[in-house]
Amino acid sequence: MKTDDVVYTFLNEISVQFPEIKALMSIYDEDETSFKMEAFSKATTQAFALGNAEQALCYLNYMAEKLINAKAKVIEHIDVYYVETLFWGASPHTIALGWPLVPESLQTLYINFHGKAP
């Protein structure tokens, strides 16, 4: 399986697991995988903003679980295009609600990039 195929498979798994995310990803071309992952990240932040912490936690736990045995290209997509954009433009209230619920492995990736918690 080519590296890109691994990413396409991963994105398809997300769409199957979370059908509501498929519509957000479908606005991008097939090869715009980074934008699709960022859409999933934004949906996670938006769920917190709307007070739907349970849904956001489902997204976060799924990503943390996938990170455990992922291929390098999938890890890159989780790190760079999902985690780094979490809480982008979020209100202090959304961050206060969401950040403590982010799994430790994802928090570590976030802090490694940003240098601090949001």
C-alpha atoms as a PDB file:
ATOM      1  CA  MET A   1       0.000   0.000   0.000  1.00  0.00           C
ATOM      2  CA  LYS A   2       1.404   3.385  -1.002  1.00  0.00           C
ATOM      3  CA  THR A   3       1.779   6.047   1.671  1.00  0.00           C
ATOM      4  CA  ASP A   4      -0.988   8.130   0.120  1.00  0.00           C
ATOM      5  CA  ASP A   5      -3.269   5.093   0.075  1.00  0.00           C
ATOM      6  CA  VAL A   6      -2.804   4.806   3.838  1.00  0.00           C
ATOM      7  CA  VAL A   7      -4.020   8.382   4.285  1.00  0.00           C
ATOM      8  CA  TYR A   8      -6.974   7.896   1.925  1.00  0.00           C
ATOM      9  CA  THR A   9      -7.948   4.757   3.832  1.00  0.00           C
ATOM     10  CA  PHE A  10      -7.680   6.622   7.133  1.00  0.00           C
ATOM     11  CA  LEU A  11      -9.859   9.487   5.900  1.00  0.00           C
ATOM     12  CA  ASN A  12     -12.409   7.005   4.605  1.00  0.00           C
ATOM     13  CA  GLU A  13     -12.471   5.287   8.010  1.00  0.00           C
ATOM     14  CA  ILE A  14     -13.177   8.654   9.652  1.00  0.00           C
ATOM     15  CA  SER A  15     -16.041   9.267   7.216  1.00  0.00           C
ATOM     16  CA  VAL A  16     -17.535   5.858   7.963  1.00  0.00           C
ATOM     17  CA  GLN A  17     -17.087   6.172  11.725  1.00  0.00           C
ATOM     18  CA  PHE A  18     -18.457   9.737  11.796  1.00  0.00           C
ATOM     19  CA  PRO A  19     -20.896  10.268   8.890  1.00  0.00           C
ATOM     20  CA  GLU A  20     -21.448  13.886   9.934  1.00  0.00           C
ATOM     21  CA  ILE A  21     -17.786  14.560   9.140  1.00  0.00           C
ATOM     22  CA  LYS A  22     -18.036  13.100   5.642  1.00  0.00           C
ATOM     23  CA  ALA A  23     -20.058  16.127   4.462  1.00  0.00           C
ATOM     24  CA  LEU A  24     -17.415  18.503   5.831  1.00  0.00           C
ATOM     25  CA  MET A  25     -14.634  16.596   4.099  1.00  0.00           C
ATOM     26  CA  SER A  26     -16.499  16.183   0.823  1.00  0.00           C
ATOM     27  CA  ILE A  27     -16.128  19.851  -0.116  1.00  0.00           C
ATOM     28  CA  TYR A  28     -12.446  19.167  -0.789  1.00  0.00           C
ATOM     29  CA  ASP A  29     -10.934  17.263  -3.691  1.00  0.00           C
ATOM     30  CA  GLU A  30      -9.751  13.728  -2.987  1.00  0.00           C
ATOM     31  CA  ASP A  31      -6.099  14.763  -2.934  1.00  0.00           C
ATOM     32  CA  GLU A  32      -6.662  17.624  -0.478  1.00  0.00           C
ATOM     33  CA  THR A  33      -6.092  15.335   2.483  1.00  0.00           C
ATOM     34  CA  SER A  34      -4.647  18.020   4.737  1.00  0.00           C
ATOM     35  CA  PHE A  35      -7.780  20.175   4.361  1.00  0.00           C
ATOM     36  CA  LYS A  36      -9.966  17.165   5.124  1.00  0.00           C
ATOM     37  CA  MET A  37      -8.088  16.531   8.377  1.00  0.00           C
ATOM     38  CA  GLU A  38      -8.302  20.199   9.294  1.00  0.00           C
ATOM     39  CA  ALA A  39     -12.073  20.014   8.732  1.00  0.00           C
ATOM     40  CA  PHE A  40     -12.220  17.174  11.264  1.00  0.00           C
ATOM     41  CA  SER A  41     -10.156  19.231  13.698  1.00  0.00           C
ATOM     42  CA  LYS A  42     -12.446  22.235  13.270  1.00  0.00           C
ATOM     43  CA  ALA A  43     -15.474  19.994  13.833  1.00  0.00           C
ATOM     44  CA  THR A  44     -13.929  18.848  17.106  1.00  0.00           C
ATOM     45  CA  THR A  45     -13.383  22.416  18.284  1.00  0.00           C
ATOM     46  CA  GLN A  46     -16.870  23.381  17.088  1.00  0.00           C
ATOM     47  CA  ALA A  47     -18.410  20.523  19.076  1.00  0.00           C
ATOM     48  CA  PHE A  48     -16.814  21.914  22.228  1.00  0.00           C
ATOM     49  CA  ALA A  49     -17.957  25.435  21.310  1.00  0.00           C
ATOM     50  CA  LEU A  50     -21.531  24.181  20.956  1.00  0.00           C
ATOM     51  CA  GLY A  51     -21.364  22.417  24.310  1.00  0.00           C
ATOM     52  CA  ASN A  52     -21.261  18.955  22.787  1.00  0.00           C
ATOM     53  CA  ALA A  53     -18.262  17.709  24.739  1.00  0.00           C
ATOM     54  CA  GLU A  54     -19.387  14.083  24.386  1.00  0.00           C
ATOM     55  CA  GLN A  55     -19.159  14.259  20.587  1.00  0.00           C
ATOM     56  CA  ALA A  56     -15.827  16.077  20.682  1.00  0.00           C
ATOM     57  CA  LEU A  57     -14.492  13.467  23.066  1.00  0.00           C
ATOM     58  CA  CYS A  58     -15.531  10.702  20.644  1.00  0.00           C
ATOM     59  CA  TYR A  59     -13.495  12.431  17.927  1.00  0.00           C
ATOM     60  CA  LEU A  60     -10.484  12.949  20.191  1.00  0.00           C
ATOM     61  CA  ASN A  61     -10.492   9.422  21.567  1.00  0.00           C
ATOM     62  CA  TYR A  62     -10.735   8.017  18.059  1.00  0.00           C
ATOM     63  CA  MET A  63      -7.712  10.038  16.969  1.00  0.00           C
ATOM     64  CA  ALA A  64      -5.703   9.103  20.066  1.00  0.00           C
ATOM     65  CA  GLU A  65      -6.477   5.428  19.467  1.00  0.00           C
ATOM     66  CA  LYS A  66      -5.459   5.656  15.798  1.00  0.00           C
ATOM     67  CA  LEU A  67      -2.209   7.360  16.760  1.00  0.00           C
ATOM     68  CA  ILE A  68      -1.017   4.299  18.693  1.00  0.00           C
ATOM     69  CA  ASN A  69      -0.218   2.024  15.739  1.00  0.00           C
ATOM     70  CA  ALA A  70      -0.375   4.453  12.840  1.00  0.00           C
ATOM     71  CA  LYS A  71       1.954   4.568   9.853  1.00  0.00           C
ATOM     72  CA  ALA A  72       4.217   7.626   9.614  1.00  0.00           C
ATOM     73  CA  LYS A  73       2.044   9.464   7.067  1.00  0.00           C
ATOM     74  CA  VAL A  74      -1.071   9.013   9.225  1.00  0.00           C
ATOM     75  CA  ILE A  75       0.818  10.204  12.310  1.00  0.00           C
ATOM     76  CA  GLU A  76       1.836  13.279  10.328  1.00  0.00           C
ATOM     77  CA  HIS A  77      -1.775  13.983   9.369  1.00  0.00           C
ATOM     78  CA  ILE A  78      -2.971  13.561  12.948  1.00  0.00           C
ATOM     79  CA  ASP A  79      -0.178  15.752  14.307  1.00  0.00           C
ATOM     80  CA  VAL A  80       0.078  18.499  11.706  1.00  0.00           C
ATOM     81  CA  TYR A  81      -3.435  18.764  10.303  1.00  0.00           C
ATOM     82  CA  TYR A  82      -5.608  17.655  13.222  1.00  0.00           C
ATOM     83  CA  VAL A  83      -3.860  18.424  16.512  1.00  0.00           C
ATOM     84  CA  GLU A  84      -2.055  21.620  15.539  1.00  0.00           C
ATOM     85  CA  THR A  85      -5.322  23.253  14.461  1.00  0.00           C
ATOM     86  CA  LEU A  86      -7.380  22.213  17.491  1.00  0.00           C
ATOM     87  CA  PHE A  87      -8.862  25.210  19.303  1.00  0.00           C
ATOM     88  CA  TRP A  88      -7.796  27.572  16.490  1.00  0.00           C
ATOM     89  CA  GLY A  89      -9.828  30.736  17.028  1.00  0.00           C
ATOM     90  CA  ALA A  90     -11.721  29.187  19.942  1.00  0.00           C
ATOM     91  CA  SER A  91     -13.036  31.259  22.809  1.00  0.00           C
ATOM     92  CA  PRO A  92     -11.432  31.004  26.243  1.00  0.00           C
ATOM     93  CA  HIS A  93     -14.598  29.206  27.435  1.00  0.00           C
ATOM     94  CA  THR A  94     -14.312  26.589  24.670  1.00  0.00           C
ATOM     95  CA  ILE A  95     -10.644  26.023  25.457  1.00  0.00           C
ATOM     96  CA  ALA A  96     -11.332  25.753  29.209  1.00  0.00           C
ATOM     97  CA  LEU A  97     -14.031  23.173  28.530  1.00  0.00           C
ATOM     98  CA  GLY A  98     -12.154  21.180  25.911  1.00  0.00           C
ATOM     99  CA  TRP A  99      -8.464  21.168  26.717  1.00  0.00           C
ATOM    100  CA  PRO A 100      -8.704  19.051  29.899  1.00  0.00           C
ATOM    101  CA  LEU A 101     -10.557  16.390  27.887  1.00  0.00           C
ATOM    102  CA  VAL A 102      -7.907  16.093  25.165  1.00  0.00           C
ATOM    103  CA  PRO A 103      -6.079  12.759  25.559  1.00  0.00           C
ATOM    104  CA  GLU A 104      -2.528  13.098  26.847  1.00  0.00           C
ATOM    105  CA  SER A 105      -0.935  11.830  23.632  1.00  0.00           C
ATOM    106  CA  LEU A 106      -2.693  14.538  21.632  1.00  0.00           C
ATOM    107  CA  GLN A 107      -1.907  17.195  24.250  1.00  0.00           C
ATOM    108  CA  THR A 108       1.772  16.272  23.935  1.00  0.00           C
ATOM    109  CA  LEU A 109       1.692  16.728  20.164  1.00  0.00           C
ATOM    110  CA  TYR A 110      -0.073  20.085  20.582  1.00  0.00           C
ATOM    111  CA  ILE A 111       2.405  21.380  23.152  1.00  0.00           C
ATOM    112  CA  ASN A 112       5.377  20.105  21.132  1.00  0.00           C
ATOM    113  CA  PHE A 113       4.253  22.303  18.252  1.00  0.00           C
ATOM    114  CA  HIS A 114       2.791  25.352  20.009  1.00  0.00           C
ATOM    115  CA  GLY A 115       5.119  25.340  23.024  1.00  0.00           C
ATOM    116  CA  LYS A 116       2.212  25.560  25.467  1.00  0.00           C
ATOM    117  CA  ALA A 117      -1.399  24.600  25.995  1.00  0.00           C
ATOM    118  CA  PRO A 118      -3.983  26.757  24.210  1.00  0.00           C
END
